[in-house]
Amino acid sequence: MASGTFTSPNGYSIRQVVEGVFASYLGAESALAGVSVYTGDSNDINVLPKAVVLCDTARPMPQLGDPAGNYICSVRITLWSNADDTTLSDHRARCATIVALMRDTSSIQTAFVTDAKAICYDCGITSEDEGVDERSWATAFVYEVWTCLNPA
């Protein structure tokens, strides 16, 4: 089975569910007001500042053998800020907000329960990279997220 292709009987893809939950979760944070949050499959016209939530991979949990809806997802959240409109300090303050939100496993689990399409067991950061691209500050965070699609 190809990574991330399992869909539950209810027709949900774990990658789309994870992206949607995290985009809603980050988009609701008042400290990120003014930052547009998009999912990886969004065809909206992007404006800066923006964050893009992309579930790059969804691997079955090796401990379980058969995927059964349980996945370890690699989720990349990339924040872009226009270097002409903001300072690096402001950009990094937004980054700190994202890191703090993504450390709050209890709130993340609640966001998944509210969405009702999957549950989240745990979430942890695996990397953070920063750079400048075409007059934009860009910081990419990668998280490992342990999830399970709801079967019904």
C-alpha atoms as a PDB file:
ATOM      1  CA  MET A   1       0.000   0.000   0.000  1.00  0.00           C
ATOM      2  CA  ALA A   2       1.410   3.414  -0.925  1.00  0.00           C
ATOM      3  CA  SER A   3       2.105   5.823   1.898  1.00  0.00           C
ATOM      4  CA  GLY A   4      -0.900   7.904   2.871  1.00  0.00           C
ATOM      5  CA  THR A   5      -3.348   6.284   0.470  1.00  0.00           C
ATOM      6  CA  PHE A   6      -5.515   4.443   3.023  1.00  0.00           C
ATOM      7  CA  THR A   7      -8.921   5.991   3.435  1.00  0.00           C
ATOM      8  CA  SER A   8     -11.305   4.942   6.128  1.00  0.00           C
ATOM      9  CA  PRO A   9     -14.809   3.651   5.373  1.00  0.00           C
ATOM     10  CA  ASN A  10     -16.021   7.223   5.872  1.00  0.00           C
ATOM     11  CA  GLY A  11     -13.875   8.371   2.923  1.00  0.00           C
ATOM     12  CA  TYR A  12     -11.364  10.547   4.791  1.00  0.00           C
ATOM     13  CA  SER A  13      -7.677  10.635   3.910  1.00  0.00           C
ATOM     14  CA  ILE A  14      -5.461  10.919   6.991  1.00  0.00           C
ATOM     15  CA  ARG A  15      -3.240  13.445   5.219  1.00  0.00           C
ATOM     16  CA  GLN A  16      -6.155  15.774   4.453  1.00  0.00           C
ATOM     17  CA  VAL A  17      -7.581  15.372   7.955  1.00  0.00           C
ATOM     18  CA  VAL A  18      -4.259  16.180   9.630  1.00  0.00           C
ATOM     19  CA  GLU A  19      -3.663  19.215   7.406  1.00  0.00           C
ATOM     20  CA  GLY A  20      -7.182  20.512   8.012  1.00  0.00           C
ATOM     21  CA  VAL A  21      -7.060  20.098  11.793  1.00  0.00           C
ATOM     22  CA  PHE A  22      -3.693  21.812  12.139  1.00  0.00           C
ATOM     23  CA  ALA A  23      -4.651  24.638   9.748  1.00  0.00           C
ATOM     24  CA  SER A  24      -7.817  25.316  11.771  1.00  0.00           C
ATOM     25  CA  TYR A  25      -5.948  25.001  15.067  1.00  0.00           C
ATOM     26  CA  LEU A  26      -3.238  27.498  14.067  1.00  0.00           C
ATOM     27  CA  GLY A  27      -5.682  29.812  12.276  1.00  0.00           C
ATOM     28  CA  ALA A  28      -7.743  30.217  15.453  1.00  0.00           C
ATOM     29  CA  GLU A  29      -4.802  31.559  17.484  1.00  0.00           C
ATOM     30  CA  SER A  30      -5.111  35.292  18.171  1.00  0.00           C
ATOM     31  CA  ALA A  31      -1.314  35.707  18.357  1.00  0.00           C
ATOM     32  CA  LEU A  32      -1.252  34.676  14.679  1.00  0.00           C
ATOM     33  CA  ALA A  33      -3.913  37.196  13.635  1.00  0.00           C
ATOM     34  CA  GLY A  34      -3.142  38.446  10.158  1.00  0.00           C
ATOM     35  CA  VAL A  35      -1.337  35.227   9.185  1.00  0.00           C
ATOM     36  CA  SER A  36      -3.250  33.295   6.527  1.00  0.00           C
ATOM     37  CA  VAL A  37      -3.081  29.543   7.159  1.00  0.00           C
ATOM     38  CA  TYR A  38      -3.416  27.200   4.186  1.00  0.00           C
ATOM     39  CA  THR A  39      -3.397  23.448   3.729  1.00  0.00           C
ATOM     40  CA  GLY A  40      -1.016  21.798   1.279  1.00  0.00           C
ATOM     41  CA  ASP A  41      -3.814  21.117  -1.199  1.00  0.00           C
ATOM     42  CA  SER A  42      -5.287  24.629  -1.053  1.00  0.00           C
ATOM     43  CA  ASN A  43      -5.794  26.387  -4.361  1.00  0.00           C
ATOM     44  CA  ASP A  44      -6.508  29.731  -2.670  1.00  0.00           C
ATOM     45  CA  ILE A  45      -4.430  32.714  -3.725  1.00  0.00           C
ATOM     46  CA  ASN A  46      -1.738  32.916  -1.065  1.00  0.00           C
ATOM     47  CA  VAL A  47      -0.949  36.179   0.684  1.00  0.00           C
ATOM     48  CA  LEU A  48       1.843  36.984   3.122  1.00  0.00           C
ATOM     49  CA  PRO A  49       2.286  36.483   5.940  1.00  0.00           C
ATOM     50  CA  LYS A  50       1.206  32.884   5.548  1.00  0.00           C
ATOM     51  CA  ALA A  51       1.633  29.445   7.031  1.00  0.00           C
ATOM     52  CA  VAL A  52       1.222  26.304   4.959  1.00  0.00           C
ATOM     53  CA  VAL A  53       0.451  22.996   6.669  1.00  0.00           C
ATOM     54  CA  LEU A  54       1.487  19.999   4.569  1.00  0.00           C
ATOM     55  CA  CYS A  55       1.320  16.349   5.587  1.00  0.00           C
ATOM     56  CA  ASP A  56       4.272  15.092   3.543  1.00  0.00           C
ATOM     57  CA  THR A  57       3.932  11.438   4.510  1.00  0.00           C
ATOM     58  CA  ALA A  58       1.656   9.095   6.412  1.00  0.00           C
ATOM     59  CA  ARG A  59       3.308   5.801   7.346  1.00  0.00           C
ATOM     60  CA  PRO A  60       1.557   2.848   8.985  1.00  0.00           C
ATOM     61  CA  MET A  61       2.777   2.315  12.546  1.00  0.00           C
ATOM     62  CA  PRO A  62       5.358  -0.506  12.311  1.00  0.00           C
ATOM     63  CA  GLN A  63       4.263  -1.906  15.665  1.00  0.00           C
ATOM     64  CA  LEU A  64       0.825  -2.719  14.252  1.00  0.00           C
ATOM     65  CA  GLY A  65       1.703  -4.272  10.889  1.00  0.00           C
ATOM     66  CA  ASP A  66      -1.643  -3.714   9.153  1.00  0.00           C
ATOM     67  CA  PRO A  67      -2.294   0.044   8.954  1.00  0.00           C
ATOM     68  CA  ALA A  68      -5.805  -0.241  10.457  1.00  0.00           C
ATOM     69  CA  GLY A  69      -6.029   3.543  10.227  1.00  0.00           C
ATOM     70  CA  ASN A  70      -3.039   4.174  12.556  1.00  0.00           C
ATOM     71  CA  TYR A  71      -0.362   6.435  11.093  1.00  0.00           C
ATOM     72  CA  ILE A  72       2.814   8.291  11.903  1.00  0.00           C
ATOM     73  CA  CYS A  73       2.505  11.477   9.860  1.00  0.00           C
ATOM     74  CA  SER A  74       5.292  13.839   8.908  1.00  0.00           C
ATOM     75  CA  VAL A  75       3.767  17.313   8.972  1.00  0.00           C
ATOM     76  CA  ARG A  76       5.623  20.372   7.701  1.00  0.00           C
ATOM     77  CA  ILE A  77       4.437  23.813   8.748  1.00  0.00           C
ATOM     78  CA  THR A  78       6.172  26.591   6.821  1.00  0.00           C
ATOM     79  CA  LEU A  79       5.760  30.209   7.875  1.00  0.00           C
ATOM     80  CA  TRP A  80       6.541  32.993   5.410  1.00  0.00           C
ATOM     81  CA  SER A  81       6.704  36.681   6.277  1.00  0.00           C
ATOM     82  CA  ASN A  82       7.482  39.489   3.821  1.00  0.00           C
ATOM     83  CA  ALA A  83      10.930  40.842   4.693  1.00  0.00           C
ATOM     84  CA  ASP A  84       9.833  44.277   3.403  1.00  0.00           C
ATOM     85  CA  ASP A  85       6.821  44.435   5.748  1.00  0.00           C
ATOM     86  CA  THR A  86       8.151  42.849   8.921  1.00  0.00           C
ATOM     87  CA  THR A  87      11.324  42.398  10.899  1.00  0.00           C
ATOM     88  CA  LEU A  88      13.100  39.140  11.543  1.00  0.00           C
ATOM     89  CA  SER A  89      12.203  39.598  15.236  1.00  0.00           C
ATOM     90  CA  ASP A  90       8.488  39.777  14.365  1.00  0.00           C
ATOM     91  CA  HIS A  91       8.801  36.714  12.148  1.00  0.00           C
ATOM     92  CA  ARG A  92      10.552  34.792  14.913  1.00  0.00           C
ATOM     93  CA  ALA A  93       7.864  35.834  17.405  1.00  0.00           C
ATOM     94  CA  ARG A  94       5.290  34.217  15.084  1.00  0.00           C
ATOM     95  CA  CYS A  95       7.522  31.150  14.921  1.00  0.00           C
ATOM     96  CA  ALA A  96       7.653  30.995  18.713  1.00  0.00           C
ATOM     97  CA  THR A  97       3.843  31.067  18.779  1.00  0.00           C
ATOM     98  CA  ILE A  98       3.654  28.143  16.358  1.00  0.00           C
ATOM     99  CA  VAL A  99       6.185  26.162  18.409  1.00  0.00           C
ATOM    100  CA  ALA A 100       4.253  26.843  21.628  1.00  0.00           C
ATOM    101  CA  LEU A 101       0.955  25.800  20.033  1.00  0.00           C
ATOM    102  CA  MET A 102       2.463  22.627  18.626  1.00  0.00           C
ATOM    103  CA  ARG A 103       3.896  21.701  22.049  1.00  0.00           C
ATOM    104  CA  ASP A 104       0.416  21.800  23.573  1.00  0.00           C
ATOM    105  CA  THR A 105      -0.479  18.171  22.920  1.00  0.00           C
ATOM    106  CA  SER A 106      -3.653  18.373  24.990  1.00  0.00           C
ATOM    107  CA  SER A 107      -5.046  21.223  22.865  1.00  0.00           C
ATOM    108  CA  ILE A 108      -4.016  19.435  19.676  1.00  0.00           C
ATOM    109  CA  GLN A 109      -5.828  16.300  20.817  1.00  0.00           C
ATOM    110  CA  THR A 110      -8.906  18.400  21.593  1.00  0.00           C
ATOM    111  CA  ALA A 111      -8.768  19.903  18.084  1.00  0.00           C
ATOM    112  CA  PHE A 112      -8.781  16.382  16.616  1.00  0.00           C
ATOM    113  CA  VAL A 113     -11.715  15.358  18.842  1.00  0.00           C
ATOM    114  CA  THR A 114     -13.617  18.472  17.726  1.00  0.00           C
ATOM    115  CA  ASP A 115     -12.970  17.605  14.060  1.00  0.00           C
ATOM    116  CA  ALA A 116     -14.148  14.018  14.784  1.00  0.00           C
ATOM    117  CA  LYS A 117     -12.440  12.435  11.747  1.00  0.00           C
ATOM    118  CA  ALA A 118      -9.313  11.192  13.540  1.00  0.00           C
ATOM    119  CA  ILE A 119      -7.596  11.157  16.892  1.00  0.00           C
ATOM    120  CA  CYS A 120      -4.090  12.284  17.761  1.00  0.00           C
ATOM    121  CA  TYR A 121      -1.961  10.256  20.149  1.00  0.00           C
ATOM    122  CA  ASP A 122       1.104  12.490  20.217  1.00  0.00           C
ATOM    123  CA  CYS A 123       2.994  15.226  18.376  1.00  0.00           C
ATOM    124  CA  GLY A 124       6.657  16.219  18.508  1.00  0.00           C
ATOM    125  CA  ILE A 125       9.033  18.434  16.551  1.00  0.00           C
ATOM    126  CA  THR A 126      11.758  16.770  14.489  1.00  0.00           C
ATOM    127  CA  SER A 127      13.375  19.803  12.817  1.00  0.00           C
ATOM    128  CA  GLU A 128      13.300  23.562  12.310  1.00  0.00           C
ATOM    129  CA  ASP A 129      14.971  25.389   9.418  1.00  0.00           C
ATOM    130  CA  GLU A 130      15.055  29.094   8.590  1.00  0.00           C
ATOM    131  CA  GLY A 131      16.067  31.089   5.533  1.00  0.00           C
ATOM    132  CA  VAL A 132      15.336  34.021   3.262  1.00  0.00           C
ATOM    133  CA  ASP A 133      13.731  33.469  -0.127  1.00  0.00           C
ATOM    134  CA  GLU A 134      12.773  36.260  -2.549  1.00  0.00           C
ATOM    135  CA  ARG A 135      12.517  38.922   0.182  1.00  0.00           C
ATOM    136  CA  SER A 136      10.579  36.629   2.502  1.00  0.00           C
ATOM    137  CA  TRP A 137      11.560  35.133   5.821  1.00  0.00           C
ATOM    138  CA  ALA A 138      10.782  31.433   5.720  1.00  0.00           C
ATOM    139  CA  THR A 139      10.846  28.980   8.609  1.00  0.00           C
ATOM    140  CA  ALA A 140       9.910  25.323   8.219  1.00  0.00           C
ATOM    141  CA  PHE A 141       8.977  23.137  11.172  1.00  0.00           C
ATOM    142  CA  VAL A 142       8.601  19.383  10.779  1.00  0.00           C
ATOM    143  CA  TYR A 143       6.544  17.400  13.264  1.00  0.00           C
ATOM    144  CA  GLU A 144       5.947  13.721  13.765  1.00  0.00           C
ATOM    145  CA  VAL A 145       2.273  13.189  14.536  1.00  0.00           C
ATOM    146  CA  TRP A 146       0.817   9.860  15.710  1.00  0.00           C
ATOM    147  CA  THR A 147      -2.781   9.548  14.555  1.00  0.00           C
ATOM    148  CA  CYS A 148      -5.638   7.181  13.890  1.00  0.00           C
ATOM    149  CA  LEU A 149      -8.542   7.680  11.505  1.00  0.00           C
ATOM    150  CA  ASN A 150     -11.939   7.181  13.089  1.00  0.00           C
ATOM    151  CA  PRO A 151     -13.401   4.033  11.540  1.00  0.00           C
ATOM    152  CA  ALA A 152     -16.969   5.307  11.173  1.00  0.00           C
END
